[in-house]
Amino acid sequence: MLTLTIPLQQIDDEFATEISDLVLKNKGNVNVYIHVVDESSPNKVKLFSRQHRLKINTEVYRKLKKAREAGQLEFQVNQN
């Protein structure tokens, strides 16, 4: 299971396209959960992708790590 925690303020068309492309180009068997949090309020939304699963490979890990270092998201990989 991959959980992405993304601040609402970081989401724009470019970021959404990057995440979508990452998932679509790396199909696998890992469930993807996305938690969108609003940094200026206690509001948050939890989303689950039923149709798309991800393959965690070196390329995916590097892109997620780069996004984390840029402050765009946090991520956690867990085994079910």
PDB file of N, CA and C in Angstrom:
ATOM      1  N   MET A   1       0.840  -1.162   0.000  1.00  0.00           N
ATOM      2  CA  MET A   1       0.000   0.000   0.000  1.00  0.00           C
ATOM      3  C   MET A   1       0.897   1.240   0.000  1.00  0.00           C
ATOM      4  N   LEU A   2       0.551   2.195  -0.851  1.00  0.00           N
ATOM      5  CA  LEU A   2       1.254   3.472  -0.921  1.00  0.00           C
ATOM      6  C   LEU A   2       0.280   4.549  -0.486  1.00  0.00           C
ATOM      7  N   THR A   3       0.687   5.341   0.491  1.00  0.00           N
ATOM      8  CA  THR A   3      -0.135   6.455   0.947  1.00  0.00           C
ATOM      9  C   THR A   3       0.595   7.748   0.641  1.00  0.00           C
ATOM     10  N   LEU A   4      -0.047   8.606  -0.152  1.00  0.00           N
ATOM     11  CA  LEU A   4       0.487   9.929  -0.459  1.00  0.00           C
ATOM     12  C   LEU A   4      -0.291  10.949   0.359  1.00  0.00           C
ATOM     13  N   THR A   5       0.402  11.796   1.074  1.00  0.00           N
ATOM     14  CA  THR A   5      -0.226  12.893   1.794  1.00  0.00           C
ATOM     15  C   THR A   5       0.187  14.172   1.087  1.00  0.00           C
ATOM     16  N   ILE A   6      -0.804  14.860   0.519  1.00  0.00           N
ATOM     17  CA  ILE A   6      -0.528  16.014  -0.330  1.00  0.00           C
ATOM     18  C   ILE A   6      -1.245  17.241   0.213  1.00  0.00           C
ATOM     19  N   PRO A   7      -0.510  18.327   0.478  1.00  0.00           N
ATOM     20  CA  PRO A   7      -1.161  19.573   0.873  1.00  0.00           C
ATOM     21  C   PRO A   7      -1.992  20.114  -0.288  1.00  0.00           C
ATOM     22  N   LEU A   8      -3.199  20.538   0.013  1.00  0.00           N
ATOM     23  CA  LEU A   8      -4.094  21.089  -1.006  1.00  0.00           C
ATOM     24  C   LEU A   8      -3.417  22.213  -1.779  1.00  0.00           C
ATOM     25  N   GLN A   9      -2.621  23.001  -1.101  1.00  0.00           N
ATOM     26  CA  GLN A   9      -1.963  24.151  -1.715  1.00  0.00           C
ATOM     27  C   GLN A   9      -0.941  23.739  -2.769  1.00  0.00           C
ATOM     28  N   GLN A  10      -0.497  22.490  -2.761  1.00  0.00           N
ATOM     29  CA  GLN A  10       0.491  22.005  -3.737  1.00  0.00           C
ATOM     30  C   GLN A  10      -0.152  21.490  -5.025  1.00  0.00           C
ATOM     31  N   ILE A  11      -1.450  21.272  -4.993  1.00  0.00           N
ATOM     32  CA  ILE A  11      -2.110  20.654  -6.137  1.00  0.00           C
ATOM     33  C   ILE A  11      -2.465  21.695  -7.188  1.00  0.00           C
ATOM     34  N   ASP A  12      -1.916  21.489  -8.373  1.00  0.00           N
ATOM     35  CA  ASP A  12      -2.286  22.291  -9.537  1.00  0.00           C
ATOM     36  C   ASP A  12      -2.338  21.331 -10.723  1.00  0.00           C
ATOM     37  N   ASP A  13      -2.651  21.840 -11.900  1.00  0.00           N
ATOM     38  CA  ASP A  13      -2.790  20.967 -13.077  1.00  0.00           C
ATOM     39  C   ASP A  13      -1.519  20.174 -13.358  1.00  0.00           C
ATOM     40  N   GLU A  14      -0.377  20.835 -13.269  1.00  0.00           N
ATOM     41  CA  GLU A  14       0.902  20.174 -13.569  1.00  0.00           C
ATOM     42  C   GLU A  14       1.177  19.042 -12.583  1.00  0.00           C
ATOM     43  N   PHE A  15       0.965  19.313 -11.290  1.00  0.00           N
ATOM     44  CA  PHE A  15       1.218  18.304 -10.258  1.00  0.00           C
ATOM     45  C   PHE A  15       0.272  17.113 -10.425  1.00  0.00           C
ATOM     46  N   ALA A  16      -1.007  17.385 -10.677  1.00  0.00           N
ATOM     47  CA  ALA A  16      -1.987  16.318 -10.868  1.00  0.00           C
ATOM     48  C   ALA A  16      -1.620  15.460 -12.080  1.00  0.00           C
ATOM     49  N   THR A  17      -1.166  16.088 -13.142  1.00  0.00           N
ATOM     50  CA  THR A  17      -0.750  15.354 -14.339  1.00  0.00           C
ATOM     51  C   THR A  17       0.457  14.473 -14.043  1.00  0.00           C
ATOM     52  N   GLU A  18       1.422  14.988 -13.280  1.00  0.00           N
ATOM     53  CA  GLU A  18       2.614  14.209 -12.937  1.00  0.00           C
ATOM     54  C   GLU A  18       2.249  12.962 -12.137  1.00  0.00           C
ATOM     55  N   ILE A  19       1.384  13.119 -11.145  1.00  0.00           N
ATOM     56  CA  ILE A  19       0.974  11.978 -10.318  1.00  0.00           C
ATOM     57  C   ILE A  19       0.192  10.972 -11.163  1.00  0.00           C
ATOM     58  N   SER A  20      -0.723  11.463 -11.988  1.00  0.00           N
ATOM     59  CA  SER A  20      -1.503  10.574 -12.855  1.00  0.00           C
ATOM     60  C   SER A  20      -0.601   9.798 -13.803  1.00  0.00           C
ATOM     61  N   ASP A  21       0.337  10.478 -14.433  1.00  0.00           N
ATOM     62  CA  ASP A  21       1.269   9.826 -15.356  1.00  0.00           C
ATOM     63  C   ASP A  21       2.108   8.776 -14.636  1.00  0.00           C
ATOM     64  N   LEU A  22       2.545   9.098 -13.422  1.00  0.00           N
ATOM     65  CA  LEU A  22       3.359   8.170 -12.646  1.00  0.00           C
ATOM     66  C   LEU A  22       2.600   6.869 -12.407  1.00  0.00           C
ATOM     67  N   VAL A  23       1.338   6.976 -12.035  1.00  0.00           N
ATOM     68  CA  VAL A  23       0.532   5.791 -11.763  1.00  0.00           C
ATOM     69  C   VAL A  23       0.216   5.035 -13.053  1.00  0.00           C
ATOM     70  N   LEU A  24      -0.167   5.745 -14.092  1.00  0.00           N
ATOM     71  CA  LEU A  24      -0.565   5.092 -15.345  1.00  0.00           C
ATOM     72  C   LEU A  24       0.606   4.418 -16.058  1.00  0.00           C
ATOM     73  N   LYS A  25       1.803   4.963 -15.925  1.00  0.00           N
ATOM     74  CA  LYS A  25       2.974   4.403 -16.605  1.00  0.00           C
ATOM     75  C   LYS A  25       3.663   3.300 -15.803  1.00  0.00           C
ATOM     76  N   ASN A  26       3.254   3.108 -14.554  1.00  0.00           N
ATOM     77  CA  ASN A  26       3.888   2.112 -13.693  1.00  0.00           C
ATOM     78  C   ASN A  26       2.824   1.232 -13.045  1.00  0.00           C
ATOM     79  N   LYS A  27       2.037   0.572 -13.872  1.00  0.00           N
ATOM     80  CA  LYS A  27       0.961  -0.272 -13.365  1.00  0.00           C
ATOM     81  C   LYS A  27       1.543  -1.467 -12.635  1.00  0.00           C
ATOM     82  N   GLY A  28       0.905  -1.786 -11.507  1.00  0.00           N
ATOM     83  CA  GLY A  28       1.379  -2.899 -10.703  1.00  0.00           C
ATOM     84  C   GLY A  28       0.290  -3.394  -9.787  1.00  0.00           C
ATOM     85  N   ASN A  29       0.672  -3.831  -8.586  1.00  0.00           N
ATOM     86  CA  ASN A  29      -0.307  -4.405  -7.664  1.00  0.00           C
ATOM     87  C   ASN A  29      -0.363  -3.698  -6.308  1.00  0.00           C
ATOM     88  N   VAL A  30       0.209  -2.513  -6.186  1.00  0.00           N
ATOM     89  CA  VAL A  30       0.209  -1.772  -4.928  1.00  0.00           C
ATOM     90  C   VAL A  30      -0.958  -0.784  -4.918  1.00  0.00           C
ATOM     91  N   ASN A  31      -1.817  -0.905  -3.898  1.00  0.00           N
ATOM     92  CA  ASN A  31      -2.940   0.021  -3.754  1.00  0.00           C
ATOM     93  C   ASN A  31      -2.429   1.422  -3.455  1.00  0.00           C
ATOM     94  N   VAL A  32      -3.124   2.429  -4.012  1.00  0.00           N
ATOM     95  CA  VAL A  32      -2.722   3.822  -3.839  1.00  0.00           C
ATOM     96  C   VAL A  32      -3.808   4.575  -3.080  1.00  0.00           C
ATOM     97  N   TYR A  33      -3.417   5.183  -1.965  1.00  0.00           N
ATOM     98  CA  TYR A  33      -4.290   6.028  -1.162  1.00  0.00           C
ATOM     99  C   TYR A  33      -3.735   7.442  -1.210  1.00  0.00           C
ATOM    100  N   ILE A  34      -4.614   8.408  -1.358  1.00  0.00           N
ATOM    101  CA  ILE A  34      -4.185   9.803  -1.380  1.00  0.00           C
ATOM    102  C   ILE A  34      -4.944  10.557  -0.304  1.00  0.00           C
ATOM    103  N   HIS A  35      -4.197  11.206   0.586  1.00  0.00           N
ATOM    104  CA  HIS A  35      -4.779  12.050   1.621  1.00  0.00           C
ATOM    105  C   HIS A  35      -4.462  13.490   1.243  1.00  0.00           C
ATOM    106  N   VAL A  36      -5.494  14.265   0.984  1.00  0.00           N
ATOM    107  CA  VAL A  36      -5.329  15.682   0.669  1.00  0.00           C
ATOM    108  C   VAL A  36      -5.641  16.467   1.936  1.00  0.00           C
ATOM    109  N   VAL A  37      -4.680  17.263   2.381  1.00  0.00           N
ATOM    110  CA  VAL A  37      -4.854  18.033   3.613  1.00  0.00           C
ATOM    111  C   VAL A  37      -4.783  19.521   3.311  1.00  0.00           C
ATOM    112  N   ASP A  38      -5.634  20.274   3.983  1.00  0.00           N
ATOM    113  CA  ASP A  38      -5.628  21.728   3.856  1.00  0.00           C
ATOM    114  C   ASP A  38      -4.797  22.269   5.014  1.00  0.00           C
ATOM    115  N   GLU A  39      -3.667  22.877   4.701  1.00  0.00           N
ATOM    116  CA  GLU A  39      -2.749  23.350   5.738  1.00  0.00           C
ATOM    117  C   GLU A  39      -3.314  24.516   6.529  1.00  0.00           C
ATOM    118  N   SER A  40      -4.321  25.200   5.992  1.00  0.00           N
ATOM    119  CA  SER A  40      -4.865  26.366   6.680  1.00  0.00           C
ATOM    120  C   SER A  40      -6.136  26.047   7.464  1.00  0.00           C
ATOM    121  N   SER A  41      -6.537  24.778   7.482  1.00  0.00           N
ATOM    122  CA  SER A  41      -7.717  24.375   8.246  1.00  0.00           C
ATOM    123  C   SER A  41      -7.568  22.899   8.619  1.00  0.00           C
ATOM    124  N   PRO A  42      -8.442  22.396   9.469  1.00  0.00           N
ATOM    125  CA  PRO A  42      -8.345  20.973   9.837  1.00  0.00           C
ATOM    126  C   PRO A  42      -8.976  20.030   8.807  1.00  0.00           C
ATOM    127  N   ASN A  43      -9.368  20.550   7.657  1.00  0.00           N
ATOM    128  CA  ASN A  43     -10.039  19.739   6.646  1.00  0.00           C
ATOM    129  C   ASN A  43      -9.071  18.814   5.923  1.00  0.00           C
ATOM    130  N   LYS A  44      -9.540  17.598   5.652  1.00  0.00           N
ATOM    131  CA  LYS A  44      -8.763  16.650   4.864  1.00  0.00           C
ATOM    132  C   LYS A  44      -9.708  15.682   4.173  1.00  0.00           C
ATOM    133  N   VAL A  45      -9.240  15.154   3.045  1.00  0.00           N
ATOM    134  CA  VAL A  45     -10.014  14.203   2.254  1.00  0.00           C
ATOM    135  C   VAL A  45      -9.135  12.989   2.005  1.00  0.00           C
ATOM    136  N   LYS A  46      -9.707  11.808   2.197  1.00  0.00           N
ATOM    137  CA  LYS A  46      -8.980  10.570   1.931  1.00  0.00           C
ATOM    138  C   LYS A  46      -9.561   9.931   0.676  1.00  0.00           C
ATOM    139  N   LEU A  47      -8.691   9.632  -0.287  1.00  0.00           N
ATOM    140  CA  LEU A  47      -9.106   9.055  -1.559  1.00  0.00           C
ATOM    141  C   LEU A  47      -8.410   7.710  -1.764  1.00  0.00           C
ATOM    142  N   PHE A  48      -9.090   6.814  -2.462  1.00  0.00           N
ATOM    143  CA  PHE A  48      -8.534   5.496  -2.763  1.00  0.00           C
ATOM    144  C   PHE A  48      -8.755   5.209  -4.240  1.00  0.00           C
ATOM    145  N   SER A  49      -7.726   4.754  -4.917  1.00  0.00           N
ATOM    146  CA  SER A  49      -7.832   4.427  -6.331  1.00  0.00           C
ATOM    147  C   SER A  49      -8.238   2.965  -6.481  1.00  0.00           C
ATOM    148  N   ARG A  50      -9.479   2.731  -6.881  1.00  0.00           N
ATOM    149  CA  ARG A  50      -9.957   1.361  -7.073  1.00  0.00           C
ATOM    150  C   ARG A  50      -9.470   0.774  -8.401  1.00  0.00           C
ATOM    151  N   GLN A  51      -9.379   1.606  -9.429  1.00  0.00           N
ATOM    152  CA  GLN A  51      -9.049   1.107 -10.762  1.00  0.00           C
ATOM    153  C   GLN A  51      -7.557   1.015 -11.034  1.00  0.00           C
ATOM    154  N   HIS A  52      -6.757   1.798 -10.360  1.00  0.00           N
ATOM    155  CA  HIS A  52      -5.331   1.858 -10.689  1.00  0.00           C
ATOM    156  C   HIS A  52      -4.481   1.457  -9.493  1.00  0.00           C
ATOM    157  N   ARG A  53      -3.519   0.601  -9.782  1.00  0.00           N
ATOM    158  CA  ARG A  53      -2.534   0.194  -8.784  1.00  0.00           C
ATOM    159  C   ARG A  53      -1.152   0.493  -9.356  1.00  0.00           C
ATOM    160  N   LEU A  54      -0.193   0.618  -8.470  1.00  0.00           N
ATOM    161  CA  LEU A  54       1.131   1.095  -8.838  1.00  0.00           C
ATOM    162  C   LEU A  54       2.186   0.019  -8.618  1.00  0.00           C
ATOM    163  N   LYS A  55       3.200   0.051  -9.443  1.00  0.00           N
ATOM    164  CA  LYS A  55       4.388  -0.779  -9.253  1.00  0.00           C
ATOM    165  C   LYS A  55       5.454   0.114  -8.638  1.00  0.00           C
ATOM    166  N   ILE A  56       5.926  -0.256  -7.451  1.00  0.00           N
ATOM    167  CA  ILE A  56       6.976   0.524  -6.791  1.00  0.00           C
ATOM    168  C   ILE A  56       8.323   0.024  -7.318  1.00  0.00           C
ATOM    169  N   ASN A  57       8.937   0.828  -8.173  1.00  0.00           N
ATOM    170  CA  ASN A  57      10.252   0.496  -8.696  1.00  0.00           C
ATOM    171  C   ASN A  57      11.194   1.674  -8.400  1.00  0.00           C
ATOM    172  N   THR A  58      12.404   1.582  -8.855  1.00  0.00           N
ATOM    173  CA  THR A  58      13.397   2.620  -8.571  1.00  0.00           C
ATOM    174  C   THR A  58      12.963   3.977  -9.109  1.00  0.00           C
ATOM    175  N   GLU A  59      12.416   4.004 -10.315  1.00  0.00           N
ATOM    176  CA  GLU A  59      11.987   5.270 -10.916  1.00  0.00           C
ATOM    177  C   GLU A  59      10.874   5.921 -10.093  1.00  0.00           C
ATOM    178  N   VAL A  60       9.892   5.135  -9.692  1.00  0.00           N
ATOM    179  CA  VAL A  60       8.776   5.655  -8.897  1.00  0.00           C
ATOM    180  C   VAL A  60       9.290   6.176  -7.566  1.00  0.00           C
ATOM    181  N   TYR A  61      10.143   5.398  -6.902  1.00  0.00           N
ATOM    182  CA  TYR A  61      10.671   5.813  -5.608  1.00  0.00           C
ATOM    183  C   TYR A  61      11.456   7.120  -5.733  1.00  0.00           C
ATOM    184  N   ARG A  62      12.276   7.239  -6.756  1.00  0.00           N
ATOM    185  CA  ARG A  62      13.062   8.468  -6.948  1.00  0.00           C
ATOM    186  C   ARG A  62      12.164   9.680  -7.171  1.00  0.00           C
ATOM    187  N   LYS A  63      11.104   9.506  -7.976  1.00  0.00           N
ATOM    188  CA  LYS A  63      10.192  10.627  -8.229  1.00  0.00           C
ATOM    189  C   LYS A  63       9.446  11.026  -6.964  1.00  0.00           C
ATOM    190  N   LEU A  64       9.009  10.051  -6.187  1.00  0.00           N
ATOM    191  CA  LEU A  64       8.325  10.360  -4.934  1.00  0.00           C
ATOM    192  C   LEU A  64       9.271  11.041  -3.945  1.00  0.00           C
ATOM    193  N   LYS A  65      10.499  10.542  -3.879  1.00  0.00           N
ATOM    194  CA  LYS A  65      11.489  11.131  -2.978  1.00  0.00           C
ATOM    195  C   LYS A  65      11.807  12.570  -3.389  1.00  0.00           C
ATOM    196  N   LYS A  66      11.929  12.813  -4.680  1.00  0.00           N
ATOM    197  CA  LYS A  66      12.197  14.170  -5.185  1.00  0.00           C
ATOM    198  C   LYS A  66      11.034  15.107  -4.842  1.00  0.00           C
ATOM    199  N   ALA A  67       9.805  14.626  -4.996  1.00  0.00           N
ATOM    200  CA  ALA A  67       8.634  15.439  -4.654  1.00  0.00           C
ATOM    201  C   ALA A  67       8.587  15.719  -3.162  1.00  0.00           C
ATOM    202  N   ARG A  68       8.979  14.739  -2.336  1.00  0.00           N
ATOM    203  CA  ARG A  68       9.012  14.949  -0.884  1.00  0.00           C
ATOM    204  C   ARG A  68      10.058  16.001  -0.532  1.00  0.00           C
ATOM    205  N   GLU A  69      11.221  15.914  -1.153  1.00  0.00           N
ATOM    206  CA  GLU A  69      12.287  16.889  -0.883  1.00  0.00           C
ATOM    207  C   GLU A  69      11.884  18.292  -1.304  1.00  0.00           C
ATOM    208  N   ALA A  70      11.023  18.402  -2.330  1.00  0.00           N
ATOM    209  CA  ALA A  70      10.540  19.707  -2.799  1.00  0.00           C
ATOM    210  C   ALA A  70       9.371  20.216  -1.944  1.00  0.00           C
ATOM    211  N   GLY A  71       8.928  19.399  -0.968  1.00  0.00           N
ATOM    212  CA  GLY A  71       7.831  19.811  -0.100  1.00  0.00           C
ATOM    213  C   GLY A  71       6.463  19.652  -0.731  1.00  0.00           C
ATOM    214  N   GLN A  72       6.375  18.862  -1.816  1.00  0.00           N
ATOM    215  CA  GLN A  72       5.102  18.688  -2.505  1.00  0.00           C
ATOM    216  C   GLN A  72       4.226  17.623  -1.888  1.00  0.00           C
ATOM    217  N   LEU A  73       4.837  16.645  -1.233  1.00  0.00           N
ATOM    218  CA  LEU A  73       4.057  15.549  -0.652  1.00  0.00           C
ATOM    219  C   LEU A  73       4.880  14.797   0.368  1.00  0.00           C
ATOM    220  N   GLU A  74       4.181  13.960   1.118  1.00  0.00           N
ATOM    221  CA  GLU A  74       4.806  12.951   1.984  1.00  0.00           C
ATOM    222  C   GLU A  74       4.305  11.616   1.464  1.00  0.00           C
ATOM    223  N   PHE A  75       5.099  10.576   1.652  1.00  0.00           N
ATOM    224  CA  PHE A  75       4.626   9.258   1.232  1.00  0.00           C
ATOM    225  C   PHE A  75       5.082   8.187   2.207  1.00  0.00           C
ATOM    226  N   GLN A  76       4.297   7.114   2.222  1.00  0.00           N
ATOM    227  CA  GLN A  76       4.610   5.988   3.076  1.00  0.00           C
ATOM    228  C   GLN A  76       4.247   4.717   2.335  1.00  0.00           C
ATOM    229  N   VAL A  77       5.146   3.752   2.340  1.00  0.00           N
ATOM    230  CA  VAL A  77       4.911   2.462   1.693  1.00  0.00           C
ATOM    231  C   VAL A  77       4.785   1.429   2.796  1.00  0.00           C
ATOM    232  N   ASN A  78       3.662   0.704   2.794  1.00  0.00           N
ATOM    233  CA  ASN A  78       3.405  -0.335   3.793  1.00  0.00           C
ATOM    234  C   ASN A  78       3.052  -1.627   3.093  1.00  0.00           C
ATOM    235  N   GLN A  79       3.345  -2.726   3.728  1.00  0.00           N
ATOM    236  CA  GLN A  79       2.877  -4.017   3.231  1.00  0.00           C
ATOM    237  C   GLN A  79       1.523  -4.287   3.858  1.00  0.00           C
ATOM    238  N   ASN A  80       0.633  -4.881   3.074  1.00  0.00           N
ATOM    239  CA  ASN A  80      -0.711  -5.215   3.595  1.00  0.00           C
ATOM    240  C   ASN A  80      -0.651  -6.447   4.450  1.00  0.00           C
TER     241      ASN A  80
END
